[in-house]
Amino acid sequence: MLTWMIDRYDVLRVAISRRAAIVLSADAILVTATIFLFGQYHSSYLDGSHIMVNSEKNISVAFIAFSVATIACLCLSILSATSSIVNVWAKSSDMPGGATPQIYFFHARDTYEDFKNFESFQKTIQQSSDKDFLNHAEAELWRVIVATYVRHNELKRAIVYLYWAIFPFLASLVIFSIMLMFPLIS
C-alpha cells in the first residue's frame, strides 16, 4: 500500500511539472509580447525624432508603468512555476512539515550524504529489518506528500501571477494602440 501511495504521488509530481511547463510557456509568450510592444514603443516615441505633447507624455508614462507591472508579475510567475518543478530543500530533514526523519534507500540525497561509500551503505542495508524498511517507506511517503503540497501551492501562485500579468499587458496594449492613433487625430 505504501509503495502504491508513493507511486501515486510521483504521478502527481509529474502532472504538476507538466502544468508548470505550460505556465512557463505562457509566461514566455507574454514576456516576448511585452518586450516586442515596448520595442515598438521605443522605436516610435523614444528615437528622438518625435516630440511629444503633454497628453502623449502622460499616456507614455502609463504605458511604461503597465509594461513594468506586466514584467514584474511575469517574473514572479516564472519564479513560482520553477519552484513548483524543483525541490528547494537540500535534505529531507530541511523540508517543511515538521521533523522529517532521514529517508534511507528511498531518498538518494539523504542516503548518499550519510553513507558516502558502498561499504557503509551495504552494511546498513544488510542489517536493516523489514520494520526499518517500513519506517523508511513511511518517511518517504510523508516526504512526497509534503513535496506535492508545496509544489501544488507554488503552481497555484504561478498561475495567479500569470493572471495578474494579463491585465497590465492588455492595458499597455490598449494604451499603445491609442498612442498610435495620436498622429491620425492631430
Protein backbone atom coordinates (compact mmCIF):
# COMPACT_ATOMS: atom_id res chain seq x y z
CA MET A 1 0.00 0.00 0.00
CA LEU A 2 2.85 2.40 0.85
CA THR A 3 4.52 1.69 -2.48
CA TRP A 4 1.28 2.41 -4.33
CA MET A 5 0.84 5.70 -2.48
CA ILE A 6 4.43 6.76 -3.19
CA ASP A 7 3.96 5.91 -6.87
CA ARG A 8 0.70 7.87 -6.92
CA TYR A 9 2.44 10.98 -5.59
CA ASP A 10 5.16 10.55 -8.22
CA VAL A 11 2.42 10.67 -10.85
CA LEU A 12 1.02 13.82 -9.21
CA ARG A 13 4.51 15.38 -9.22
CA VAL A 14 4.79 14.75 -12.94
CA ALA A 15 1.34 16.28 -13.50
CA ILE A 16 2.34 19.39 -11.54
CA SER A 17 5.55 19.65 -13.57
CA ARG A 18 3.62 19.43 -16.83
CA ARG A 19 1.24 22.17 -15.72
CA ALA A 20 4.16 24.31 -14.59
CA ALA A 21 5.73 23.88 -18.03
CA ILE A 22 2.51 25.18 -19.59
CA VAL A 23 2.56 28.19 -17.25
CA LEU A 24 6.21 28.84 -18.13
CA SER A 25 5.34 28.70 -21.83
CA ALA A 26 2.54 31.23 -21.33
CA ASP A 27 4.93 33.40 -19.32
CA ALA A 28 7.44 33.27 -22.16
CA ILE A 29 4.82 34.28 -24.71
CA LEU A 30 3.71 37.25 -22.61
CA VAL A 31 7.30 38.33 -21.89
CA THR A 32 8.05 38.21 -25.61
CA ALA A 33 4.88 40.15 -26.46
CA THR A 34 5.62 42.79 -23.81
CA ILE A 35 9.20 43.23 -25.00
CA PHE A 36 8.04 43.44 -28.61
CA LEU A 37 5.41 46.04 -27.69
CA PHE A 38 7.96 48.04 -25.73
CA GLY A 39 10.38 47.83 -28.65
CA GLN A 40 7.73 49.21 -30.96
CA TYR A 41 7.05 51.98 -28.46
CA HIS A 42 10.74 52.74 -28.23
CA SER A 43 11.22 52.93 -31.99
CA SER A 44 8.13 55.13 -32.40
CA TYR A 45 8.46 57.51 -29.47
CA LEU A 46 11.94 57.41 -27.99
CA ASP A 47 14.13 57.62 -31.08
CA GLY A 48 14.41 61.41 -30.74
CA SER A 49 12.67 62.36 -33.98
CA HIS A 50 9.23 62.66 -32.38
CA ILE A 51 8.45 65.48 -29.96
CA MET A 52 5.69 64.50 -27.56
CA VAL A 53 2.95 66.81 -26.38
CA ASN A 54 1.85 66.68 -22.72
CA SER A 55 -1.02 64.26 -23.35
CA GLU A 56 1.39 61.88 -25.11
CA LYS A 57 3.86 62.18 -22.22
CA ASN A 58 1.17 61.29 -19.69
CA ILE A 59 -0.06 58.32 -21.66
CA SER A 60 3.54 57.30 -22.28
CA VAL A 61 4.16 57.15 -18.53
CA ALA A 62 1.06 54.97 -18.12
CA PHE A 63 2.26 52.67 -20.91
CA ILE A 64 5.66 52.24 -19.28
CA ALA A 65 4.10 51.64 -15.84
CA PHE A 66 1.78 48.93 -17.18
CA SER A 67 4.65 47.31 -19.11
CA VAL A 68 6.82 47.22 -15.98
CA ALA A 69 3.90 45.80 -13.94
CA THR A 70 3.45 43.08 -16.57
CA ILE A 71 7.12 42.11 -16.46
CA ALA A 72 7.15 42.14 -12.64
CA CYS A 73 4.14 39.80 -12.45
CA LEU A 74 5.67 37.54 -15.07
CA CYS A 75 8.96 37.35 -13.16
CA LEU A 76 7.07 36.27 -10.04
CA SER A 77 5.13 33.73 -12.08
CA ILE A 78 8.33 32.31 -13.55
CA LEU A 79 9.94 32.02 -10.12
CA SER A 80 6.90 30.28 -8.65
CA ALA A 81 6.48 27.92 -11.63
CA THR A 82 10.15 26.98 -11.44
CA SER A 83 9.84 26.36 -7.69
CA SER A 84 6.92 24.03 -8.35
CA ILE A 85 9.15 21.88 -10.55
CA VAL A 86 12.24 21.61 -8.35
CA ASN A 87 12.79 20.86 -4.68
CA VAL A 88 14.01 23.86 -2.76
CA TRP A 89 15.42 21.98 0.21
CA ALA A 90 18.78 20.22 0.36
CA LYS A 91 17.86 17.24 2.55
CA SER A 92 14.55 15.76 3.59
CA SER A 93 15.19 16.98 7.15
CA ASP A 94 15.21 20.58 5.81
CA MET A 95 11.79 20.35 4.19
CA PRO A 96 8.68 21.94 5.66
CA GLY A 97 6.20 19.88 7.63
CA GLY A 98 7.89 19.19 10.93
CA ALA A 99 10.56 16.71 11.93
CA THR A 100 11.13 14.55 8.88
CA PRO A 101 13.40 11.57 9.54
CA GLN A 102 16.25 10.59 7.28
CA ILE A 103 14.89 8.58 4.38
CA TYR A 104 17.50 5.98 3.57
CA PHE A 105 17.26 3.90 0.40
CA PHE A 106 14.24 5.88 -0.91
CA HIS A 107 15.83 9.32 -1.00
CA ALA A 108 19.15 9.47 -2.86
CA ARG A 109 20.47 12.68 -1.29
CA ASP A 110 19.83 11.54 2.30
CA THR A 111 21.36 8.14 1.59
CA TYR A 112 24.44 9.50 -0.18
CA GLU A 113 25.08 12.31 2.31
CA ASP A 114 25.11 9.92 5.26
CA PHE A 115 27.00 6.97 3.78
CA LYS A 116 29.44 8.33 1.18
CA ASN A 117 30.81 4.84 0.41
CA PHE A 118 29.48 1.48 -0.62
CA GLU A 119 30.78 -0.50 2.36
CA SER A 120 28.86 1.51 4.97
CA PHE A 121 25.78 1.53 2.73
CA GLN A 122 25.95 -2.23 2.19
CA LYS A 123 26.42 -2.91 5.91
CA THR A 124 23.42 -0.76 6.82
CA ILE A 125 21.13 -2.24 4.19
CA GLN A 126 22.04 -5.77 5.19
CA GLN A 127 21.39 -5.02 8.87
CA SER A 128 18.05 -3.32 8.18
CA SER A 129 14.94 -5.22 9.17
CA ASP A 130 11.58 -5.24 7.45
CA LYS A 131 10.42 -2.81 10.13
CA ASP A 132 13.31 -0.45 9.23
CA PHE A 133 12.32 -0.56 5.57
CA LEU A 134 8.70 0.06 6.51
CA ASN A 135 9.77 3.09 8.58
CA HIS A 136 11.80 4.44 5.66
CA ALA A 137 8.86 3.89 3.30
CA GLU A 138 6.53 5.74 5.68
CA ALA A 139 9.02 8.61 5.89
CA GLU A 140 9.28 8.68 2.08
CA LEU A 141 5.50 8.79 1.78
CA TRP A 142 5.43 11.74 4.18
CA ARG A 143 8.18 13.46 2.15
CA VAL A 144 6.33 13.09 -1.14
CA ILE A 145 3.07 14.27 0.43
CA VAL A 146 4.74 17.42 1.75
CA ALA A 147 6.65 17.97 -1.50
CA THR A 148 3.46 17.60 -3.54
CA TYR A 149 1.64 20.03 -1.27
CA VAL A 150 4.43 22.62 -1.55
CA ARG A 151 4.74 22.19 -5.31
CA HIS A 152 0.99 22.47 -5.82
CA ASN A 153 0.89 25.72 -3.84
CA GLU A 154 3.79 27.12 -5.86
CA LEU A 155 1.98 26.21 -9.07
CA LYS A 156 -1.19 27.95 -7.87
CA ARG A 157 0.88 31.04 -7.03
CA ALA A 158 2.47 30.97 -10.52
CA ILE A 159 -0.95 30.83 -12.15
CA VAL A 160 -2.22 33.76 -10.06
CA TYR A 161 0.79 35.88 -11.05
CA LEU A 162 0.25 34.92 -14.68
CA TYR A 163 -3.36 36.06 -14.45
CA TRP A 164 -2.26 39.31 -12.81
CA ALA A 165 0.20 39.88 -15.67
CA ILE A 166 -2.52 39.65 -18.30
CA PHE A 167 -4.38 42.75 -17.11
CA PRO A 168 -1.49 45.25 -17.21
CA PHE A 169 -0.41 43.70 -20.52
CA LEU A 170 -3.84 44.32 -22.03
CA ALA A 171 -3.84 47.84 -20.59
CA SER A 172 -0.43 48.56 -22.15
CA LEU A 173 -1.67 47.14 -25.46
CA VAL A 174 -4.73 49.42 -25.41
CA ILE A 175 -2.61 52.42 -24.43
CA PHE A 176 -0.12 51.72 -27.22
CA SER A 177 -3.00 51.45 -29.70
CA ILE A 178 -4.27 54.83 -28.54
CA MET A 179 -0.77 56.26 -28.90
CA LEU A 180 -0.65 55.03 -32.49
CA MET A 181 -3.82 56.98 -33.20
CA PHE A 182 -2.41 60.33 -31.95
CA PRO A 183 -0.85 61.19 -35.33
CA LEU A 184 -4.16 60.43 -37.05
CA ILE A 185 -6.05 62.71 -34.68
CA SER A 186 -3.56 65.59 -34.84
